[in-house]
Amino acid sequence: MLLLLTLTLSMGGGLYEILVIYPNWKHHVHPHTLRDKLESSGQNNAAKRFWPLVSPAQGLLAMLNIALACWHHGSGQGYWLAAAIIIFVTRLITFSYFIPVMIRKIMQPEKFDAATLQRIVKQWTDLSPLRLVPEFAAWVLLLMALMKLG
């Protein structure tokens, strides 16, 4: 299942960012240094090269899987449908909050004073890891669906 593969990649990428990349730029945030920290940490590369491929593909695959799961009337349908809906909702959240805040605020730090920028970065980096919780649930549901379907 392609949806399971993209979800696994997304979870791995998210975990890597949380553990390796975020710590290099989320502390001691200042408008004059954040841009350089984002670049040296690899956050800019992830934002420009990895996520623009994975996130839209995952959203489209989730929509396709919602339709396919609705048409499927065998065992595993509930797991499959629930997983696809969870993934679709997480993509909606990503595209409505995380991507716009990263592009319009965090990647343009000079627009904000230090205190405001620190608050924005803290909120973003505190909320971002929470996306892994529903993604992990969807991953487990997809595995259960595959076991039932197979």
N, C-alpha and C. Protein backbone atom coordinates (compact mmCIF):
# COMPACT_ATOMS: atom_id res chain seq x y z
N MET A 1 0.84 -1.18 0.00
CA MET A 1 0.00 0.00 0.00
C MET A 1 0.89 1.25 0.00
N LEU A 2 0.71 2.07 -1.00
CA LEU A 2 1.51 3.28 -1.16
C LEU A 2 1.26 4.28 -0.02
N LEU A 3 0.05 4.32 0.48
CA LEU A 3 -0.26 5.23 1.59
C LEU A 3 0.56 4.87 2.83
N LEU A 4 0.71 3.59 3.08
CA LEU A 4 1.52 3.14 4.22
C LEU A 4 2.98 3.55 4.04
N LEU A 5 3.49 3.43 2.83
CA LEU A 5 4.88 3.82 2.56
C LEU A 5 5.08 5.32 2.78
N THR A 6 4.19 6.15 2.24
CA THR A 6 4.36 7.60 2.42
C THR A 6 4.18 7.99 3.88
N LEU A 7 3.30 7.31 4.59
CA LEU A 7 3.11 7.60 6.01
C LEU A 7 4.36 7.22 6.81
N THR A 8 4.96 6.10 6.47
CA THR A 8 6.20 5.67 7.14
C THR A 8 7.31 6.68 6.89
N LEU A 9 7.44 7.14 5.64
CA LEU A 9 8.44 8.17 5.32
C LEU A 9 8.16 9.46 6.08
N SER A 10 6.92 9.85 6.13
CA SER A 10 6.53 11.08 6.83
C SER A 10 6.83 10.99 8.32
N MET A 11 6.50 9.87 8.92
CA MET A 11 6.77 9.70 10.35
C MET A 11 8.27 9.69 10.62
N GLY A 12 9.02 9.02 9.77
CA GLY A 12 10.48 9.00 9.93
C GLY A 12 11.08 10.39 9.77
N GLY A 13 10.60 11.12 8.77
CA GLY A 13 11.08 12.49 8.56
C GLY A 13 10.71 13.39 9.71
N GLY A 14 9.49 13.24 10.21
CA GLY A 14 9.05 14.05 11.35
C GLY A 14 9.85 13.75 12.60
N LEU A 15 10.09 12.48 12.85
CA LEU A 15 10.88 12.09 14.02
C LEU A 15 12.31 12.62 13.91
N TYR A 16 12.88 12.52 12.72
CA TYR A 16 14.24 13.04 12.50
C TYR A 16 14.28 14.55 12.76
N GLU A 17 13.30 15.26 12.25
CA GLU A 17 13.26 16.71 12.47
C GLU A 17 13.17 17.05 13.96
N ILE A 18 12.29 16.35 14.65
CA ILE A 18 12.08 16.62 16.08
C ILE A 18 13.35 16.36 16.88
N LEU A 19 14.02 15.25 16.60
CA LEU A 19 15.17 14.85 17.40
C LEU A 19 16.48 15.50 16.96
N VAL A 20 16.63 15.77 15.67
CA VAL A 20 17.92 16.23 15.15
C VAL A 20 17.90 17.68 14.69
N ILE A 21 16.88 18.06 13.94
CA ILE A 21 16.89 19.38 13.31
C ILE A 21 16.36 20.48 14.22
N TYR A 22 15.18 20.30 14.82
CA TYR A 22 14.60 21.36 15.66
C TYR A 22 15.55 21.84 16.76
N PRO A 23 16.25 20.95 17.47
CA PRO A 23 17.13 21.43 18.54
C PRO A 23 18.21 22.41 18.07
N ASN A 24 18.53 22.36 16.79
CA ASN A 24 19.57 23.25 16.26
C ASN A 24 19.08 24.67 15.97
N TRP A 25 17.77 24.88 15.96
CA TRP A 25 17.30 26.23 15.66
C TRP A 25 16.20 26.75 16.58
N LYS A 26 15.62 25.92 17.41
CA LYS A 26 14.48 26.39 18.20
C LYS A 26 14.86 27.12 19.49
N HIS A 27 16.11 27.05 19.88
CA HIS A 27 16.55 27.71 21.11
C HIS A 27 17.25 29.02 20.79
N HIS A 28 17.18 29.96 21.70
CA HIS A 28 17.85 31.26 21.56
C HIS A 28 17.50 31.91 20.22
N VAL A 29 16.22 31.98 19.95
CA VAL A 29 15.72 32.52 18.68
C VAL A 29 15.88 34.03 18.65
N HIS A 30 16.45 34.52 17.57
CA HIS A 30 16.61 35.96 17.37
C HIS A 30 16.41 36.26 15.88
N PRO A 31 15.75 37.36 15.54
CA PRO A 31 15.49 37.68 14.14
C PRO A 31 16.75 37.75 13.27
N HIS A 32 17.88 38.12 13.85
CA HIS A 32 19.11 38.27 13.06
C HIS A 32 19.86 36.96 12.85
N THR A 33 19.56 35.93 13.64
CA THR A 33 20.31 34.67 13.53
C THR A 33 19.46 33.47 13.10
N LEU A 34 18.14 33.59 13.17
CA LEU A 34 17.29 32.42 12.89
C LEU A 34 17.45 31.92 11.47
N ARG A 35 17.52 32.81 10.51
CA ARG A 35 17.65 32.38 9.11
C ARG A 35 18.89 31.51 8.93
N ASP A 36 20.01 31.91 9.51
CA ASP A 36 21.24 31.12 9.41
C ASP A 36 21.11 29.78 10.13
N LYS A 37 20.44 29.79 11.28
CA LYS A 37 20.23 28.54 12.02
C LYS A 37 19.35 27.57 11.23
N LEU A 38 18.32 28.09 10.57
CA LEU A 38 17.45 27.24 9.75
C LEU A 38 18.25 26.60 8.62
N GLU A 39 19.12 27.37 8.02
CA GLU A 39 19.95 26.87 6.92
C GLU A 39 20.94 25.83 7.41
N SER A 40 21.68 26.15 8.46
CA SER A 40 22.72 25.23 8.93
C SER A 40 22.15 23.96 9.56
N SER A 41 20.94 24.02 10.08
CA SER A 41 20.33 22.84 10.71
C SER A 41 19.76 21.86 9.69
N GLY A 42 19.53 22.32 8.47
CA GLY A 42 18.91 21.48 7.46
C GLY A 42 17.41 21.70 7.35
N GLN A 43 16.85 22.55 8.18
CA GLN A 43 15.41 22.80 8.15
C GLN A 43 14.97 23.38 6.81
N ASN A 44 15.75 24.29 6.26
CA ASN A 44 15.38 24.87 4.97
C ASN A 44 15.34 23.82 3.87
N ASN A 45 16.31 22.91 3.86
CA ASN A 45 16.31 21.85 2.85
C ASN A 45 15.10 20.95 3.00
N ALA A 46 14.77 20.59 4.23
CA ALA A 46 13.59 19.75 4.45
C ALA A 46 12.33 20.46 3.99
N ALA A 47 12.25 21.75 4.29
CA ALA A 47 11.06 22.53 3.93
C ALA A 47 10.93 22.72 2.43
N LYS A 48 12.03 22.67 1.71
CA LYS A 48 11.99 22.92 0.27
C LYS A 48 12.08 21.66 -0.57
N ARG A 49 12.67 20.59 -0.04
CA ARG A 49 12.92 19.41 -0.86
C ARG A 49 12.16 18.16 -0.45
N PHE A 50 11.95 17.96 0.85
CA PHE A 50 11.31 16.72 1.32
C PHE A 50 9.80 16.88 1.48
N TRP A 51 9.40 17.84 2.31
CA TRP A 51 7.98 17.99 2.63
C TRP A 51 7.11 18.39 1.44
N PRO A 52 7.58 19.22 0.50
CA PRO A 52 6.73 19.54 -0.65
C PRO A 52 6.39 18.33 -1.52
N LEU A 53 7.19 17.28 -1.44
CA LEU A 53 6.89 16.05 -2.18
C LEU A 53 6.00 15.11 -1.36
N VAL A 54 6.35 14.94 -0.09
CA VAL A 54 5.66 13.95 0.74
C VAL A 54 4.25 14.41 1.13
N SER A 55 4.12 15.63 1.59
CA SER A 55 2.82 16.08 2.11
C SER A 55 1.70 16.11 1.07
N PRO A 56 1.90 16.71 -0.11
CA PRO A 56 0.81 16.69 -1.09
C PRO A 56 0.49 15.28 -1.58
N ALA A 57 1.53 14.47 -1.78
CA ALA A 57 1.29 13.10 -2.22
C ALA A 57 0.47 12.34 -1.19
N GLN A 58 0.81 12.55 0.06
CA GLN A 58 0.08 11.88 1.13
C GLN A 58 -1.37 12.35 1.21
N GLY A 59 -1.60 13.64 1.01
CA GLY A 59 -2.96 14.16 1.01
C GLY A 59 -3.79 13.57 -0.12
N LEU A 60 -3.22 13.52 -1.31
CA LEU A 60 -3.92 12.94 -2.46
C LEU A 60 -4.17 11.45 -2.27
N LEU A 61 -3.16 10.75 -1.77
CA LEU A 61 -3.34 9.32 -1.51
C LEU A 61 -4.39 9.08 -0.43
N ALA A 62 -4.45 9.95 0.56
CA ALA A 62 -5.46 9.80 1.61
C ALA A 62 -6.86 9.95 1.01
N MET A 63 -7.05 10.95 0.14
CA MET A 63 -8.36 11.14 -0.50
C MET A 63 -8.73 9.91 -1.34
N LEU A 64 -7.78 9.42 -2.11
CA LEU A 64 -8.02 8.24 -2.93
C LEU A 64 -8.37 7.04 -2.04
N ASN A 65 -7.64 6.88 -0.95
CA ASN A 65 -7.89 5.75 -0.05
C ASN A 65 -9.21 5.88 0.69
N ILE A 66 -9.66 7.09 0.97
CA ILE A 66 -10.98 7.27 1.57
C ILE A 66 -12.04 6.73 0.62
N ALA A 67 -11.92 7.09 -0.66
CA ALA A 67 -12.88 6.61 -1.65
C ALA A 67 -12.80 5.09 -1.81
N LEU A 68 -11.59 4.56 -1.92
CA LEU A 68 -11.44 3.11 -2.09
C LEU A 68 -11.95 2.35 -0.87
N ALA A 69 -11.67 2.86 0.31
CA ALA A 69 -12.13 2.19 1.53
C ALA A 69 -13.66 2.23 1.63
N CYS A 70 -14.27 3.31 1.16
CA CYS A 70 -15.74 3.39 1.17
C CYS A 70 -16.35 2.35 0.24
N TRP A 71 -15.71 2.09 -0.87
CA TRP A 71 -16.23 1.12 -1.83
C TRP A 71 -15.95 -0.32 -1.40
N HIS A 72 -14.94 -0.51 -0.60
CA HIS A 72 -14.58 -1.85 -0.15
C HIS A 72 -15.54 -2.27 0.98
N HIS A 73 -16.09 -3.46 0.87
CA HIS A 73 -17.05 -3.90 1.89
C HIS A 73 -16.61 -5.18 2.58
N GLY A 74 -15.33 -5.39 2.62
CA GLY A 74 -14.82 -6.59 3.29
C GLY A 74 -14.20 -6.27 4.62
N SER A 75 -13.54 -7.26 5.12
CA SER A 75 -12.86 -7.12 6.40
C SER A 75 -11.73 -6.10 6.27
N GLY A 76 -11.53 -5.32 7.28
CA GLY A 76 -10.48 -4.31 7.27
C GLY A 76 -10.93 -2.94 6.79
N GLN A 77 -12.17 -2.85 6.30
CA GLN A 77 -12.65 -1.58 5.76
C GLN A 77 -12.62 -0.46 6.80
N GLY A 78 -13.08 -0.74 7.99
CA GLY A 78 -13.13 0.27 9.05
C GLY A 78 -11.75 0.80 9.40
N TYR A 79 -10.78 -0.11 9.52
CA TYR A 79 -9.40 0.30 9.81
C TYR A 79 -8.84 1.17 8.69
N TRP A 80 -9.06 0.72 7.46
CA TRP A 80 -8.55 1.42 6.29
C TRP A 80 -9.15 2.82 6.19
N LEU A 81 -10.47 2.90 6.33
CA LEU A 81 -11.15 4.18 6.24
C LEU A 81 -10.72 5.13 7.36
N ALA A 82 -10.64 4.62 8.57
CA ALA A 82 -10.22 5.46 9.70
C ALA A 82 -8.80 5.99 9.48
N ALA A 83 -7.91 5.14 9.04
CA ALA A 83 -6.52 5.56 8.79
C ALA A 83 -6.46 6.64 7.72
N ALA A 84 -7.19 6.43 6.63
CA ALA A 84 -7.17 7.41 5.53
C ALA A 84 -7.74 8.75 5.98
N ILE A 85 -8.79 8.73 6.78
CA ILE A 85 -9.38 9.98 7.28
C ILE A 85 -8.40 10.69 8.22
N ILE A 86 -7.76 9.93 9.10
CA ILE A 86 -6.78 10.53 10.02
C ILE A 86 -5.65 11.20 9.23
N ILE A 87 -5.15 10.52 8.23
CA ILE A 87 -4.06 11.08 7.43
C ILE A 87 -4.53 12.33 6.69
N PHE A 88 -5.72 12.28 6.14
CA PHE A 88 -6.25 13.46 5.45
C PHE A 88 -6.38 14.65 6.39
N VAL A 89 -6.88 14.42 7.58
CA VAL A 89 -7.03 15.50 8.56
C VAL A 89 -5.66 16.06 8.97
N THR A 90 -4.68 15.19 9.17
CA THR A 90 -3.34 15.71 9.52
C THR A 90 -2.75 16.52 8.38
N ARG A 91 -3.03 16.15 7.15
CA ARG A 91 -2.54 16.95 6.00
C ARG A 91 -3.25 18.30 5.98
N LEU A 92 -4.55 18.32 6.27
CA LEU A 92 -5.28 19.60 6.33
C LEU A 92 -4.67 20.51 7.39
N ILE A 93 -4.36 19.96 8.54
CA ILE A 93 -3.74 20.74 9.62
C ILE A 93 -2.37 21.24 9.18
N THR A 94 -1.61 20.37 8.55
CA THR A 94 -0.27 20.75 8.07
C THR A 94 -0.36 21.90 7.08
N PHE A 95 -1.27 21.80 6.12
CA PHE A 95 -1.38 22.83 5.09
C PHE A 95 -2.06 24.11 5.57
N SER A 96 -2.87 24.01 6.62
CA SER A 96 -3.55 25.21 7.10
C SER A 96 -2.78 25.94 8.19
N TYR A 97 -1.93 25.25 8.94
CA TYR A 97 -1.18 25.92 10.00
C TYR A 97 0.34 25.80 9.84
N PHE A 98 0.86 24.59 9.81
CA PHE A 98 2.31 24.40 9.90
C PHE A 98 3.07 24.98 8.71
N ILE A 99 2.61 24.73 7.51
CA ILE A 99 3.31 25.26 6.33
C ILE A 99 3.21 26.78 6.26
N PRO A 100 2.01 27.37 6.40
CA PRO A 100 1.95 28.84 6.35
C PRO A 100 2.79 29.53 7.43
N VAL A 101 2.77 29.01 8.66
CA VAL A 101 3.56 29.65 9.72
C VAL A 101 5.05 29.52 9.42
N MET A 102 5.48 28.36 8.93
CA MET A 102 6.89 28.19 8.60
C MET A 102 7.30 29.17 7.50
N ILE A 103 6.51 29.25 6.44
CA ILE A 103 6.88 30.09 5.29
C ILE A 103 6.73 31.58 5.59
N ARG A 104 5.62 31.97 6.19
CA ARG A 104 5.33 33.40 6.38
C ARG A 104 5.95 34.02 7.62
N LYS A 105 6.29 33.19 8.59
CA LYS A 105 6.80 33.75 9.85
C LYS A 105 8.20 33.25 10.18
N ILE A 106 8.36 31.96 10.34
CA ILE A 106 9.64 31.44 10.80
C ILE A 106 10.74 31.64 9.77
N MET A 107 10.43 31.47 8.49
CA MET A 107 11.45 31.66 7.45
C MET A 107 11.64 33.13 7.07
N GLN A 108 10.89 34.01 7.70
CA GLN A 108 11.05 35.45 7.49
C GLN A 108 11.18 36.13 8.86
N PRO A 109 12.20 35.76 9.62
CA PRO A 109 12.30 36.21 11.01
C PRO A 109 12.49 37.72 11.18
N GLU A 110 13.02 38.37 10.17
CA GLU A 110 13.27 39.81 10.29
C GLU A 110 11.99 40.63 10.40
N LYS A 111 10.85 40.03 10.14
CA LYS A 111 9.57 40.73 10.24
C LYS A 111 9.07 40.86 11.68
N PHE A 112 9.74 40.19 12.61
CA PHE A 112 9.24 40.12 13.98
C PHE A 112 10.31 40.55 14.98
N ASP A 113 9.83 41.07 16.12
CA ASP A 113 10.77 41.36 17.21
C ASP A 113 11.13 40.03 17.87
N ALA A 114 12.18 40.03 18.66
CA ALA A 114 12.71 38.79 19.25
C ALA A 114 11.68 38.05 20.10
N ALA A 115 10.92 38.76 20.92
CA ALA A 115 9.95 38.11 21.81
C ALA A 115 8.82 37.45 21.01
N THR A 116 8.32 38.14 20.01
CA THR A 116 7.25 37.58 19.17
C THR A 116 7.75 36.37 18.41
N LEU A 117 8.94 36.49 17.84
CA LEU A 117 9.51 35.37 17.08
C LEU A 117 9.74 34.16 17.98
N GLN A 118 10.23 34.39 19.18
CA GLN A 118 10.44 33.28 20.13
C GLN A 118 9.12 32.58 20.44
N ARG A 119 8.05 33.35 20.62
CA ARG A 119 6.73 32.78 20.90
C ARG A 119 6.23 31.96 19.71
N ILE A 120 6.40 32.49 18.51
CA ILE A 120 5.97 31.78 17.30
C ILE A 120 6.72 30.46 17.15
N VAL A 121 8.03 30.51 17.30
CA VAL A 121 8.86 29.31 17.16
C VAL A 121 8.52 28.29 18.25
N LYS A 122 8.34 28.75 19.47
CA LYS A 122 8.02 27.83 20.57
C LYS A 122 6.69 27.14 20.31
N GLN A 123 5.68 27.90 19.91
CA GLN A 123 4.38 27.29 19.64
C GLN A 123 4.48 26.28 18.51
N TRP A 124 5.16 26.66 17.43
CA TRP A 124 5.27 25.79 16.27
C TRP A 124 6.02 24.50 16.62
N THR A 125 7.16 24.63 17.31
CA THR A 125 7.96 23.45 17.65
C THR A 125 7.33 22.62 18.77
N ASP A 126 6.47 23.22 19.59
CA ASP A 126 5.74 22.44 20.59
C ASP A 126 4.59 21.66 19.96
N LEU A 127 3.92 22.25 18.99
CA LEU A 127 2.77 21.60 18.35
C LEU A 127 3.18 20.58 17.29
N SER A 128 4.24 20.84 16.58
CA SER A 128 4.65 19.99 15.47
C SER A 128 4.82 18.51 15.85
N PRO A 129 5.49 18.19 16.95
CA PRO A 129 5.63 16.77 17.30
C PRO A 129 4.30 16.06 17.57
N LEU A 130 3.28 16.81 17.95
CA LEU A 130 1.98 16.21 18.24
C LEU A 130 1.37 15.56 17.00
N ARG A 131 1.81 15.98 15.82
CA ARG A 131 1.30 15.37 14.58
C ARG A 131 1.66 13.90 14.48
N LEU A 132 2.74 13.51 15.14
CA LEU A 132 3.15 12.10 15.08
C LEU A 132 2.15 11.17 15.78
N VAL A 133 1.41 11.68 16.74
CA VAL A 133 0.46 10.84 17.48
C VAL A 133 -0.64 10.30 16.55
N PRO A 134 -1.38 11.17 15.84
CA PRO A 134 -2.38 10.61 14.93
C PRO A 134 -1.76 9.85 13.76
N GLU A 135 -0.57 10.28 13.32
CA GLU A 135 0.09 9.56 12.23
C GLU A 135 0.45 8.14 12.66
N PHE A 136 0.92 7.98 13.89
CA PHE A 136 1.23 6.64 14.39
C PHE A 136 -0.04 5.80 14.49
N ALA A 137 -1.12 6.41 14.96
CA ALA A 137 -2.40 5.70 15.04
C ALA A 137 -2.84 5.25 13.66
N ALA A 138 -2.71 6.13 12.67
CA ALA A 138 -3.09 5.78 11.29
C ALA A 138 -2.19 4.67 10.76
N TRP A 139 -0.92 4.72 11.09
CA TRP A 139 0.03 3.69 10.66
C TRP A 139 -0.39 2.32 11.21
N VAL A 140 -0.73 2.27 12.49
CA VAL A 140 -1.18 1.02 13.11
C VAL A 140 -2.48 0.55 12.45
N LEU A 141 -3.40 1.47 12.22
CA LEU A 141 -4.66 1.11 11.57
C LEU A 141 -4.44 0.57 10.16
N LEU A 142 -3.51 1.16 9.43
CA LEU A 142 -3.21 0.66 8.08
C LEU A 142 -2.62 -0.75 8.14
N LEU A 143 -1.75 -1.00 9.10
CA LEU A 143 -1.19 -2.35 9.25
C LEU A 143 -2.30 -3.34 9.59
N MET A 144 -3.21 -2.95 10.46
CA MET A 144 -4.33 -3.82 10.82
C MET A 144 -5.22 -4.07 9.60
N ALA A 145 -5.45 -3.03 8.82
CA ALA A 145 -6.27 -3.19 7.60
C ALA A 145 -5.60 -4.15 6.63
N LEU A 146 -4.29 -4.01 6.46
CA LEU A 146 -3.57 -4.92 5.56
C LEU A 146 -3.65 -6.36 6.04
N MET A 147 -3.55 -6.57 7.34
CA MET A 147 -3.66 -7.93 7.87
C MET A 147 -5.05 -8.50 7.62
N LYS A 148 -6.07 -7.67 7.74
CA LYS A 148 -7.45 -8.13 7.52
C LYS A 148 -7.73 -8.35 6.03
N LEU A 149 -7.16 -7.47 5.19
CA LEU A 149 -7.41 -7.57 3.76
C LEU A 149 -6.63 -8.72 3.13
N GLY A 150 -5.43 -8.93 3.66
CA GLY A 150 -4.52 -9.92 3.08
C GLY A 150 -4.94 -11.29 3.41
